Full PDB file with SEQRES, HELIX, SHEET, SSBOND, CRYST1, ORIGX, SCALE, CONECT and MASTER records, all heavy atoms in Angstrom:
SEQRES   1 A   43  LEU VAL LEU ALA VAL ALA THR SER ILE ASP ALA LEU ALA          
SEQRES   2 A   43  VAL GLY VAL THR PHE ALA PHE LEU GLN VAL ARG ILE VAL          
SEQRES   3 A   43  PRO ALA VAL SER PHE ILE GLY VAL THR THR PHE ILE LEU          
SEQRES   4 A   43  SER ILE ILE GLY                                              
HELIX    1 AA1 VAL A    2  LEU A   21  1                                  20    
HELIX    2 AA2 ILE A   25  ILE A   42  1                                  18    
CRYST1    1.000    1.000    1.000  90.00  90.00  90.00 P 1           1          
ORIGX1      1.000000  0.000000  0.000000        0.00000                         
ORIGX2      0.000000  1.000000  0.000000        0.00000                         
ORIGX3      0.000000  0.000000  1.000000        0.00000                         
SCALE1      1.000000  0.000000  0.000000        0.00000                         
SCALE2      0.000000  1.000000  0.000000        0.00000                         
SCALE3      0.000000  0.000000  1.000000        0.00000                         
ATOM      1  N   LEU A   1     -84.855  37.140  52.775  1.00  0.00           N  
ATOM      2  CA  LEU A   1     -84.039  37.704  51.681  1.00  0.00           C  
ATOM      3  C   LEU A   1     -83.062  36.671  51.143  1.00  0.00           C  
ATOM      4  O   LEU A   1     -82.932  36.538  49.913  1.00  0.00           O  
ATOM      5  CB  LEU A   1     -83.268  38.942  52.160  1.00  0.00           C  
ATOM      6  CG  LEU A   1     -84.027  40.251  52.161  1.00  0.00           C  
ATOM      7  CD1 LEU A   1     -83.196  41.366  52.762  1.00  0.00           C  
ATOM      8  CD2 LEU A   1     -84.488  40.619  50.774  1.00  0.00           C  
ATOM      9  N   VAL A   2     -82.416  35.945  52.016  1.00  0.00           N  
ATOM     10  CA  VAL A   2     -81.460  34.919  51.590  1.00  0.00           C  
ATOM     11  C   VAL A   2     -82.181  33.841  50.779  1.00  0.00           C  
ATOM     12  O   VAL A   2     -81.727  33.475  49.694  1.00  0.00           O  
ATOM     13  CB  VAL A   2     -80.734  34.288  52.812  1.00  0.00           C  
ATOM     14  CG1 VAL A   2     -79.961  33.045  52.411  1.00  0.00           C  
ATOM     15  CG2 VAL A   2     -79.816  35.305  53.467  1.00  0.00           C  
ATOM     16  N   LEU A   3     -83.313  33.383  51.251  1.00  0.00           N  
ATOM     17  CA  LEU A   3     -84.057  32.354  50.549  1.00  0.00           C  
ATOM     18  C   LEU A   3     -84.618  32.864  49.213  1.00  0.00           C  
ATOM     19  O   LEU A   3     -84.581  32.178  48.190  1.00  0.00           O  
ATOM     20  CB  LEU A   3     -85.213  31.812  51.400  1.00  0.00           C  
ATOM     21  CG  LEU A   3     -84.809  30.978  52.602  1.00  0.00           C  
ATOM     22  CD1 LEU A   3     -86.039  30.670  53.472  1.00  0.00           C  
ATOM     23  CD2 LEU A   3     -84.137  29.695  52.142  1.00  0.00           C  
ATOM     24  N   ALA A   4     -85.118  34.107  49.204  1.00  0.00           N  
ATOM     25  CA  ALA A   4     -85.686  34.669  47.984  1.00  0.00           C  
ATOM     26  C   ALA A   4     -84.619  34.847  46.917  1.00  0.00           C  
ATOM     27  O   ALA A   4     -84.863  34.539  45.734  1.00  0.00           O  
ATOM     28  CB  ALA A   4     -86.381  36.003  48.291  1.00  0.00           C  
ATOM     29  N   VAL A   5     -83.449  35.317  47.297  1.00  0.00           N  
ATOM     30  CA  VAL A   5     -82.360  35.451  46.321  1.00  0.00           C  
ATOM     31  C   VAL A   5     -81.920  34.078  45.849  1.00  0.00           C  
ATOM     32  O   VAL A   5     -81.747  33.855  44.636  1.00  0.00           O  
ATOM     33  CB  VAL A   5     -81.173  36.253  46.922  1.00  0.00           C  
ATOM     34  CG1 VAL A   5     -79.961  36.190  46.012  1.00  0.00           C  
ATOM     35  CG2 VAL A   5     -81.590  37.705  47.145  1.00  0.00           C  
ATOM     36  N   ALA A   6     -81.728  33.153  46.772  1.00  0.00           N  
ATOM     37  CA  ALA A   6     -81.255  31.812  46.415  1.00  0.00           C  
ATOM     38  C   ALA A   6     -82.206  31.097  45.449  1.00  0.00           C  
ATOM     39  O   ALA A   6     -81.775  30.425  44.534  1.00  0.00           O  
ATOM     40  CB  ALA A   6     -81.047  30.969  47.664  1.00  0.00           C  
ATOM     41  N   THR A   7     -83.512  31.270  45.657  1.00  0.00           N  
ATOM     42  CA  THR A   7     -84.472  30.584  44.818  1.00  0.00           C  
ATOM     43  C   THR A   7     -84.747  31.315  43.508  1.00  0.00           C  
ATOM     44  O   THR A   7     -85.415  30.771  42.615  1.00  0.00           O  
ATOM     45  CB  THR A   7     -85.817  30.345  45.538  1.00  0.00           C  
ATOM     46  OG1 THR A   7     -86.358  31.596  45.943  1.00  0.00           O  
ATOM     47  CG2 THR A   7     -85.637  29.431  46.740  1.00  0.00           C  
ATOM     48  N   SER A   8     -84.234  32.531  43.360  1.00  0.00           N  
ATOM     49  CA  SER A   8     -84.536  33.301  42.142  1.00  0.00           C  
ATOM     50  C   SER A   8     -83.321  33.550  41.254  1.00  0.00           C  
ATOM     51  O   SER A   8     -83.455  34.239  40.239  1.00  0.00           O  
ATOM     52  CB  SER A   8     -85.196  34.611  42.514  1.00  0.00           C  
ATOM     53  OG  SER A   8     -84.333  35.435  43.260  1.00  0.00           O  
ATOM     54  N   ILE A   9     -82.172  33.033  41.598  1.00  0.00           N  
ATOM     55  CA  ILE A   9     -80.987  33.219  40.762  1.00  0.00           C  
ATOM     56  C   ILE A   9     -81.242  32.655  39.354  1.00  0.00           C  
ATOM     57  O   ILE A   9     -80.863  33.259  38.360  1.00  0.00           O  
ATOM     58  CB  ILE A   9     -79.734  32.546  41.396  1.00  0.00           C  
ATOM     59  CG1 ILE A   9     -79.340  33.270  42.685  1.00  0.00           C  
ATOM     60  CG2 ILE A   9     -78.600  32.478  40.430  1.00  0.00           C  
ATOM     61  CD1 ILE A   9     -78.905  34.719  42.483  1.00  0.00           C  
ATOM     62  N   ASP A  10     -81.919  31.515  39.274  1.00  0.00           N  
ATOM     63  CA  ASP A  10     -82.211  30.941  37.962  1.00  0.00           C  
ATOM     64  C   ASP A  10     -83.118  31.865  37.141  1.00  0.00           C  
ATOM     65  O   ASP A  10     -83.011  31.922  35.932  1.00  0.00           O  
ATOM     66  CB  ASP A  10     -82.809  29.545  38.088  1.00  0.00           C  
ATOM     67  CG  ASP A  10     -83.999  29.469  39.046  1.00  0.00           C  
ATOM     68  OD1 ASP A  10     -84.319  30.467  39.719  1.00  0.00           O  
ATOM     69  OD2 ASP A  10     -84.600  28.372  39.144  1.00  0.00           O  
ATOM     70  N   ALA A  11     -83.969  32.634  37.811  1.00  0.00           N  
ATOM     71  CA  ALA A  11     -84.848  33.571  37.102  1.00  0.00           C  
ATOM     72  C   ALA A  11     -84.058  34.693  36.457  1.00  0.00           C  
ATOM     73  O   ALA A  11     -84.454  35.214  35.412  1.00  0.00           O  
ATOM     74  CB  ALA A  11     -85.899  34.122  38.064  1.00  0.00           C  
ATOM     75  N   LEU A  12     -82.918  35.045  37.037  1.00  0.00           N  
ATOM     76  CA  LEU A  12     -82.025  36.045  36.450  1.00  0.00           C  
ATOM     77  C   LEU A  12     -81.541  35.571  35.089  1.00  0.00           C  
ATOM     78  O   LEU A  12     -81.584  36.306  34.082  1.00  0.00           O  
ATOM     79  CB  LEU A  12     -80.838  36.348  37.375  1.00  0.00           C  
ATOM     80  CG  LEU A  12     -79.824  37.355  36.907  1.00  0.00           C  
ATOM     81  CD1 LEU A  12     -80.390  38.757  36.965  1.00  0.00           C  
ATOM     82  CD2 LEU A  12     -78.568  37.236  37.759  1.00  0.00           C  
ATOM     83  N   ALA A  13     -81.106  34.312  35.031  1.00  0.00           N  
ATOM     84  CA  ALA A  13     -80.622  33.752  33.772  1.00  0.00           C  
ATOM     85  C   ALA A  13     -81.746  33.644  32.756  1.00  0.00           C  
ATOM     86  O   ALA A  13     -81.543  33.908  31.549  1.00  0.00           O  
ATOM     87  CB  ALA A  13     -79.992  32.379  34.016  1.00  0.00           C  
ATOM     88  N   VAL A  14     -82.936  33.297  33.192  1.00  0.00           N  
ATOM     89  CA  VAL A  14     -84.080  33.228  32.279  1.00  0.00           C  
ATOM     90  C   VAL A  14     -84.382  34.617  31.722  1.00  0.00           C  
ATOM     91  O   VAL A  14     -84.716  34.764  30.557  1.00  0.00           O  
ATOM     92  CB  VAL A  14     -85.309  32.609  32.969  1.00  0.00           C  
ATOM     93  CG1 VAL A  14     -86.560  32.772  32.131  1.00  0.00           C  
ATOM     94  CG2 VAL A  14     -85.045  31.109  33.240  1.00  0.00           C  
ATOM     95  N   GLY A  15     -84.231  35.642  32.527  1.00  0.00           N  
ATOM     96  CA  GLY A  15     -84.437  37.014  32.063  1.00  0.00           C  
ATOM     97  C   GLY A  15     -83.480  37.373  30.942  1.00  0.00           C  
ATOM     98  O   GLY A  15     -83.856  38.062  29.996  1.00  0.00           O  
ATOM     99  N   VAL A  16     -82.244  36.889  31.013  1.00  0.00           N  
ATOM    100  CA  VAL A  16     -81.287  37.117  29.936  1.00  0.00           C  
ATOM    101  C   VAL A  16     -81.805  36.452  28.660  1.00  0.00           C  
ATOM    102  O   VAL A  16     -81.761  37.047  27.581  1.00  0.00           O  
ATOM    103  CB  VAL A  16     -79.883  36.569  30.316  1.00  0.00           C  
ATOM    104  CG1 VAL A  16     -78.925  36.630  29.133  1.00  0.00           C  
ATOM    105  CG2 VAL A  16     -79.316  37.351  31.493  1.00  0.00           C  
ATOM    106  N   THR A  17     -82.332  35.246  28.770  1.00  0.00           N  
ATOM    107  CA  THR A  17     -82.852  34.569  27.586  1.00  0.00           C  
ATOM    108  C   THR A  17     -84.079  35.293  27.031  1.00  0.00           C  
ATOM    109  O   THR A  17     -84.302  35.334  25.833  1.00  0.00           O  
ATOM    110  CB  THR A  17     -83.229  33.086  27.836  1.00  0.00           C  
ATOM    111  OG1 THR A  17     -84.309  33.013  28.730  1.00  0.00           O  
ATOM    112  CG2 THR A  17     -82.046  32.320  28.378  1.00  0.00           C  
ATOM    113  N   PHE A  18     -84.858  35.934  27.926  1.00  0.00           N  
ATOM    114  CA  PHE A  18     -86.014  36.712  27.463  1.00  0.00           C  
ATOM    115  C   PHE A  18     -85.587  37.849  26.542  1.00  0.00           C  
ATOM    116  O   PHE A  18     -86.263  38.183  25.586  1.00  0.00           O  
ATOM    117  CB  PHE A  18     -86.793  37.288  28.632  1.00  0.00           C  
ATOM    118  CG  PHE A  18     -87.716  36.325  29.328  1.00  0.00           C  
ATOM    119  CD1 PHE A  18     -88.359  36.695  30.472  1.00  0.00           C  
ATOM    120  CD2 PHE A  18     -87.936  35.042  28.844  1.00  0.00           C  
ATOM    121  CE1 PHE A  18     -89.226  35.837  31.123  1.00  0.00           C  
ATOM    122  CE2 PHE A  18     -88.802  34.164  29.492  1.00  0.00           C  
ATOM    123  CZ  PHE A  18     -89.438  34.576  30.643  1.00  0.00           C  
ATOM    124  N   ALA A  19     -84.427  38.433  26.826  1.00  0.00           N  
ATOM    125  CA  ALA A  19     -83.924  39.517  25.964  1.00  0.00           C  
ATOM    126  C   ALA A  19     -83.653  39.007  24.563  1.00  0.00           C  
ATOM    127  O   ALA A  19     -83.932  39.696  23.589  1.00  0.00           O  
ATOM    128  CB  ALA A  19     -82.663  40.125  26.568  1.00  0.00           C  
ATOM    129  N   PHE A  20     -83.132  37.799  24.442  1.00  0.00           N  
ATOM    130  CA  PHE A  20     -82.817  37.238  23.140  1.00  0.00           C  
ATOM    131  C   PHE A  20     -84.070  36.785  22.405  1.00  0.00           C  
ATOM    132  O   PHE A  20     -84.107  36.755  21.183  1.00  0.00           O  
ATOM    133  CB  PHE A  20     -81.841  36.076  23.283  1.00  0.00           C  
ATOM    134  CG  PHE A  20     -80.587  36.438  24.003  1.00  0.00           C  
ATOM    135  CD1 PHE A  20     -80.076  35.622  24.995  1.00  0.00           C  
ATOM    136  CD2 PHE A  20     -79.899  37.614  23.708  1.00  0.00           C  
ATOM    137  CE1 PHE A  20     -78.913  35.960  25.670  1.00  0.00           C  
ATOM    138  CE2 PHE A  20     -78.753  37.961  24.382  1.00  0.00           C  
ATOM    139  CZ  PHE A  20     -78.257  37.125  25.357  1.00  0.00           C  
ATOM    140  N   LEU A  21     -85.072  36.392  23.155  1.00  0.00           N  
ATOM    141  CA  LEU A  21     -86.306  35.881  22.557  1.00  0.00           C  
ATOM    142  C   LEU A  21     -87.317  36.998  22.280  1.00  0.00           C  
ATOM    143  O   LEU A  21     -88.409  36.722  21.801  1.00  0.00           O  
ATOM    144  CB  LEU A  21     -86.954  34.836  23.461  1.00  0.00           C  
ATOM    145  CG  LEU A  21     -86.110  33.600  23.745  1.00  0.00           C  
ATOM    146  CD1 LEU A  21     -86.778  32.701  24.775  1.00  0.00           C  
ATOM    147  CD2 LEU A  21     -85.852  32.825  22.451  1.00  0.00           C  
ATOM    148  N   GLN A  22     -86.951  38.235  22.606  1.00  0.00           N  
ATOM    149  CA  GLN A  22     -87.815  39.407  22.345  1.00  0.00           C  
ATOM    150  C   GLN A  22     -89.173  39.264  23.045  1.00  0.00           C  
ATOM    151  O   GLN A  22     -90.221  39.499  22.465  1.00  0.00           O  
ATOM    152  CB  GLN A  22     -88.021  39.600  20.847  1.00  0.00           C  
ATOM    153  CG  GLN A  22     -86.743  39.522  20.045  1.00  0.00           C  
ATOM    154  CD  GLN A  22     -86.245  40.869  19.610  1.00  0.00           C  
ATOM    155  OE1 GLN A  22     -87.002  41.789  19.440  1.00  0.00           O  
ATOM    156  NE2 GLN A  22     -84.956  40.986  19.401  1.00  0.00           N  
ATOM    157  N   VAL A  23     -89.148  38.873  24.316  1.00  0.00           N  
ATOM    158  CA  VAL A  23     -90.366  38.704  25.104  1.00  0.00           C  
ATOM    159  C   VAL A  23     -90.833  40.073  25.599  1.00  0.00           C  
ATOM    160  O   VAL A  23     -90.001  40.937  25.929  1.00  0.00           O  
ATOM    161  CB  VAL A  23     -90.066  37.784  26.312  1.00  0.00           C  
ATOM    162  CG1 VAL A  23     -91.198  37.739  27.298  1.00  0.00           C  
ATOM    163  CG2 VAL A  23     -89.718  36.381  25.829  1.00  0.00           C  
ATOM    164  N   ARG A  24     -92.140  40.288  25.650  1.00  0.00           N  
ATOM    165  CA  ARG A  24     -92.673  41.507  26.274  1.00  0.00           C  
ATOM    166  C   ARG A  24     -92.461  41.354  27.761  1.00  0.00           C  
ATOM    167  O   ARG A  24     -93.172  40.612  28.442  1.00  0.00           O  
ATOM    168  CB  ARG A  24     -94.143  41.673  25.900  1.00  0.00           C  
ATOM    169  CG  ARG A  24     -94.343  42.007  24.440  1.00  0.00           C  
ATOM    170  CD  ARG A  24     -95.772  42.192  24.018  1.00  0.00           C  
ATOM    171  NE  ARG A  24     -96.605  42.809  25.018  1.00  0.00           N  
ATOM    172  CZ  ARG A  24     -97.856  42.430  25.296  1.00  0.00           C  
ATOM    173  NH1 ARG A  24     -98.402  41.429  24.625  1.00  0.00           N  
ATOM    174  NH2 ARG A  24     -98.559  43.043  26.219  1.00  0.00           N  
ATOM    175  N   ILE A  25     -91.499  42.081  28.298  1.00  0.00           N  
ATOM    176  CA  ILE A  25     -90.965  41.794  29.619  1.00  0.00           C  
ATOM    177  C   ILE A  25     -91.903  42.138  30.777  1.00  0.00           C  
ATOM    178  O   ILE A  25     -91.988  41.389  31.736  1.00  0.00           O  
ATOM    179  CB  ILE A  25     -89.562  42.464  29.805  1.00  0.00           C  
ATOM    180  CG1 ILE A  25     -88.858  41.886  31.029  1.00  0.00           C  
ATOM    181  CG2 ILE A  25     -89.690  43.971  29.873  1.00  0.00           C  
ATOM    182  CD1 ILE A  25     -88.542  40.427  30.929  1.00  0.00           C  
ATOM    183  N   VAL A  26     -92.618  43.267  30.706  1.00  0.00           N  
ATOM    184  CA  VAL A  26     -93.454  43.637  31.841  1.00  0.00           C  
ATOM    185  C   VAL A  26     -94.553  42.614  32.088  1.00  0.00           C  
ATOM    186  O   VAL A  26     -94.716  42.134  33.234  1.00  0.00           O  
ATOM    187  CB  VAL A  26     -94.011  45.070  31.690  1.00  0.00           C  
ATOM    188  CG1 VAL A  26     -95.047  45.388  32.770  1.00  0.00           C  
ATOM    189  CG2 VAL A  26     -92.875  46.089  31.711  1.00  0.00           C  
ATOM    190  N   PRO A  27     -95.334  42.218  31.065  1.00  0.00           N  
ATOM    191  CA  PRO A  27     -96.322  41.153  31.324  1.00  0.00           C  
ATOM    192  C   PRO A  27     -95.675  39.830  31.758  1.00  0.00           C  
ATOM    193  O   PRO A  27     -96.208  39.125  32.609  1.00  0.00           O  
ATOM    194  CB  PRO A  27     -97.049  40.988  29.994  1.00  0.00           C  
ATOM    195  CG  PRO A  27     -96.779  42.207  29.226  1.00  0.00           C  
ATOM    196  CD  PRO A  27     -95.451  42.730  29.696  1.00  0.00           C  
ATOM    197  N   ALA A  28     -94.521  39.517  31.164  1.00  0.00           N  
ATOM    198  CA  ALA A  28     -93.848  38.262  31.516  1.00  0.00           C  
ATOM    199  C   ALA A  28     -93.413  38.207  32.967  1.00  0.00           C  
ATOM    200  O   ALA A  28     -93.692  37.225  33.670  1.00  0.00           O  
ATOM    201  CB  ALA A  28     -92.628  38.038  30.598  1.00  0.00           C  
ATOM    202  N   VAL A  29     -92.732  39.248  33.437  1.00  0.00           N  
ATOM    203  CA  VAL A  29     -92.263  39.228  34.831  1.00  0.00           C  
ATOM    204  C   VAL A  29     -93.425  39.349  35.798  1.00  0.00           C  
ATOM    205  O   VAL A  29     -93.374  38.791  36.897  1.00  0.00           O  
ATOM    206  CB  VAL A  29     -91.181  40.290  35.111  1.00  0.00           C  
ATOM    207  CG1 VAL A  29     -89.944  40.044  34.260  1.00  0.00           C  
ATOM    208  CG2 VAL A  29     -91.677  41.693  34.938  1.00  0.00           C  
ATOM    209  N   SER A  30     -94.473  40.049  35.418  1.00  0.00           N  
ATOM    210  CA  SER A  30     -95.658  40.137  36.282  1.00  0.00           C  
ATOM    211  C   SER A  30     -96.300  38.755  36.399  1.00  0.00           C  
ATOM    212  O   SER A  30     -96.664  38.330  37.512  1.00  0.00           O  
ATOM    213  CB  SER A  30     -96.697  41.110  35.681  1.00  0.00           C  
ATOM    214  OG  SER A  30     -96.133  42.407  35.598  1.00  0.00           O  
ATOM    215  N   PHE A  31     -96.398  38.056  35.301  1.00  0.00           N  
ATOM    216  CA  PHE A  31     -96.980  36.713  35.278  1.00  0.00           C  
ATOM    217  C   PHE A  31     -96.139  35.759  36.147  1.00  0.00           C  
ATOM    218  O   PHE A  31     -96.693  34.988  36.942  1.00  0.00           O  
ATOM    219  CB  PHE A  31     -97.068  36.223  33.844  1.00  0.00           C  
ATOM    220  CG  PHE A  31     -97.930  35.018  33.648  1.00  0.00           C  
ATOM    221  CD1 PHE A  31     -99.308  35.112  33.727  1.00  0.00           C  
ATOM    222  CD2 PHE A  31     -97.367  33.786  33.365  1.00  0.00           C  
ATOM    223  CE1 PHE A  31    -100.117  34.004  33.537  1.00  0.00           C  
ATOM    224  CE2 PHE A  31     -98.169  32.670  33.169  1.00  0.00           C  
ATOM    225  CZ  PHE A  31     -99.537  32.772  33.264  1.00  0.00           C  
ATOM    226  N   ILE A  32     -94.827  35.842  35.998  1.00  0.00           N  
ATOM    227  CA  ILE A  32     -93.928  34.992  36.802  1.00  0.00           C  
ATOM    228  C   ILE A  32     -94.073  35.306  38.279  1.00  0.00           C  
ATOM    229  O   ILE A  32     -94.160  34.413  39.124  1.00  0.00           O  
ATOM    230  CB  ILE A  32     -92.483  35.124  36.325  1.00  0.00           C  
ATOM    231  CG1 ILE A  32     -92.315  34.501  34.946  1.00  0.00           C  
ATOM    232  CG2 ILE A  32     -91.500  34.508  37.317  1.00  0.00           C  
ATOM    233  CD1 ILE A  32     -90.996  34.832  34.258  1.00  0.00           C  
ATOM    234  N   GLY A  33     -94.085  36.583  38.624  1.00  0.00           N  
ATOM    235  CA  GLY A  33     -94.204  36.989  40.016  1.00  0.00           C  
ATOM    236  C   GLY A  33     -95.508  36.549  40.649  1.00  0.00           C  
ATOM    237  O   GLY A  33     -95.536  36.014  41.768  1.00  0.00           O  
ATOM    238  N   VAL A  34     -96.618  36.741  39.941  1.00  0.00           N  
ATOM    239  CA  VAL A  34     -97.932  36.351  40.466  1.00  0.00           C  
ATOM    240  C   VAL A  34     -98.037  34.836  40.588  1.00  0.00           C  
ATOM    241  O   VAL A  34     -98.538  34.325  41.591  1.00  0.00           O  
ATOM    242  CB  VAL A  34     -99.063  36.933  39.584  1.00  0.00           C  
ATOM    243  CG1 VAL A  34    -100.404  36.337  39.937  1.00  0.00           C  
ATOM    244  CG2 VAL A  34     -99.114  38.451  39.710  1.00  0.00           C  
ATOM    245  N   THR A  35     -97.538  34.112  39.589  1.00  0.00           N  
ATOM    246  CA  THR A  35     -97.568  32.654  39.645  1.00  0.00           C  
ATOM    247  C   THR A  35     -96.775  32.152  40.838  1.00  0.00           C  
ATOM    248  O   THR A  35     -97.246  31.276  41.587  1.00  0.00           O  
ATOM    249  CB  THR A  35     -96.989  32.063  38.333  1.00  0.00           C  
ATOM    250  OG1 THR A  35     -97.786  32.509  37.235  1.00  0.00           O  
ATOM    251  CG2 THR A  35     -96.984  30.538  38.382  1.00  0.00           C  
ATOM    252  N   THR A  36     -95.592  32.715  41.051  1.00  0.00           N  
ATOM    253  CA  THR A  36     -94.777  32.307  42.189  1.00  0.00           C  
ATOM    254  C   THR A  36     -95.432  32.655  43.518  1.00  0.00           C  
ATOM    255  O   THR A  36     -95.417  31.868  44.462  1.00  0.00           O  
ATOM    256  CB  THR A  36     -93.364  32.930  42.104  1.00  0.00           C  
ATOM    257  OG1 THR A  36     -92.777  32.580  40.865  1.00  0.00           O  
ATOM    258  CG2 THR A  36     -92.481  32.458  43.241  1.00  0.00           C  
ATOM    259  N   PHE A  37     -96.038  33.845  43.584  1.00  0.00           N  
ATOM    260  CA  PHE A  37     -96.746  34.269  44.800  1.00  0.00           C  
ATOM    261  C   PHE A  37     -97.812  33.240  45.145  1.00  0.00           C  
ATOM    262  O   PHE A  37     -97.893  32.747  46.294  1.00  0.00           O  
ATOM    263  CB  PHE A  37     -97.360  35.648  44.573  1.00  0.00           C  
ATOM    264  CG  PHE A  37     -98.272  36.101  45.689  1.00  0.00           C  
ATOM    265  CD1 PHE A  37     -97.739  36.617  46.858  1.00  0.00           C  
ATOM    266  CD2 PHE A  37     -99.633  36.032  45.549  1.00  0.00           C  
ATOM    267  CE1 PHE A  37     -98.572  37.031  47.890  1.00  0.00           C  
ATOM    268  CE2 PHE A  37    -100.481  36.447  46.577  1.00  0.00           C  
ATOM    269  CZ  PHE A  37     -99.948  36.959  47.744  1.00  0.00           C  
ATOM    270  N   ILE A  38     -98.654  32.879  44.183  1.00  0.00           N  
ATOM    271  CA  ILE A  38     -99.760  31.951  44.411  1.00  0.00           C  
ATOM    272  C   ILE A  38     -99.226  30.569  44.788  1.00  0.00           C  
ATOM    273  O   ILE A  38     -99.684  29.959  45.760  1.00  0.00           O  
ATOM    274  CB  ILE A  38    -100.673  31.867  43.169  1.00  0.00           C  
ATOM    275  CG1 ILE A  38    -101.415  33.206  42.990  1.00  0.00           C  
ATOM    276  CG2 ILE A  38    -101.648  30.697  43.278  1.00  0.00           C  
ATOM    277  CD1 ILE A  38    -102.118  33.351  41.652  1.00  0.00           C  
ATOM    278  N   LEU A  39     -98.236  30.093  44.030  1.00  0.00           N  
ATOM    279  CA  LEU A  39     -97.688  28.746  44.330  1.00  0.00           C  
ATOM    280  C   LEU A  39     -96.968  28.710  45.664  1.00  0.00           C  
ATOM    281  O   LEU A  39     -96.966  27.660  46.336  1.00  0.00           O  
ATOM    282  CB  LEU A  39     -96.775  28.287  43.190  1.00  0.00           C  
ATOM    283  CG  LEU A  39     -97.497  27.887  41.902  1.00  0.00           C  
ATOM    284  CD1 LEU A  39     -96.513  27.543  40.798  1.00  0.00           C  
ATOM    285  CD2 LEU A  39     -98.450  26.717  42.144  1.00  0.00           C  
ATOM    286  N   SER A  40     -96.380  29.806  46.082  1.00  0.00           N  
ATOM    287  CA  SER A  40     -95.710  29.845  47.387  1.00  0.00           C  
ATOM    288  C   SER A  40     -96.727  29.719  48.523  1.00  0.00           C  
ATOM    289  O   SER A  40     -96.495  29.001  49.498  1.00  0.00           O  
ATOM    290  CB  SER A  40     -94.897  31.122  47.520  1.00  0.00           C  
ATOM    291  OG  SER A  40     -93.853  31.146  46.588  1.00  0.00           O  
ATOM    292  N   ILE A  41     -97.835  30.434  48.395  1.00  0.00           N  
ATOM    293  CA  ILE A  41     -98.884  30.313  49.413  1.00  0.00           C  
ATOM    294  C   ILE A  41     -99.443  28.890  49.445  1.00  0.00           C  
ATOM    295  O   ILE A  41     -99.612  28.293  50.520  1.00  0.00           O  
ATOM    296  CB  ILE A  41     -99.999  31.350  49.186  1.00  0.00           C  
ATOM    297  CG1 ILE A  41     -99.456  32.770  49.475  1.00  0.00           C  
ATOM    298  CG2 ILE A  41    -101.219  31.060  50.061  1.00  0.00           C  
ATOM    299  CD1 ILE A  41    -100.388  33.890  49.123  1.00  0.00           C  
ATOM    300  N   ILE A  42     -99.663  28.318  48.264  1.00  0.00           N  
ATOM    301  CA  ILE A  42    -100.121  26.920  48.191  1.00  0.00           C  
ATOM    302  C   ILE A  42     -99.080  26.005  48.814  1.00  0.00           C  
ATOM    303  O   ILE A  42     -99.424  25.048  49.529  1.00  0.00           O  
ATOM    304  CB  ILE A  42    -100.434  26.539  46.736  1.00  0.00           C  
ATOM    305  CG1 ILE A  42    -101.670  27.291  46.233  1.00  0.00           C  
ATOM    306  CG2 ILE A  42    -100.626  25.024  46.598  1.00  0.00           C  
ATOM    307  CD1 ILE A  42    -101.915  27.162  44.727  1.00  0.00           C  
ATOM    308  N   GLY A  43     -97.791  26.285  48.573  1.00  0.00           N  
ATOM    309  CA  GLY A  43     -96.723  25.460  49.130  1.00  0.00           C  
ATOM    310  C   GLY A  43     -96.717  25.484  50.655  1.00  0.00           C  
ATOM    311  O   GLY A  43     -96.539  24.443  51.294  1.00  0.00           O  
TER     312      GLY A  43                                                      
MASTER        0    0    0    2    0    0    0    6  311    1    0    4          
END                                                                             
């Protein structure tokens, strides 16, 4: 939990920018989550 929160604080700020950029949020956060999941296993 500590590591997951620490490594995702920057994603919170990016989410704020998504609101300003009018991003379709559900596909965007799903894509980010899946990408991170895959890259974490590779890591």
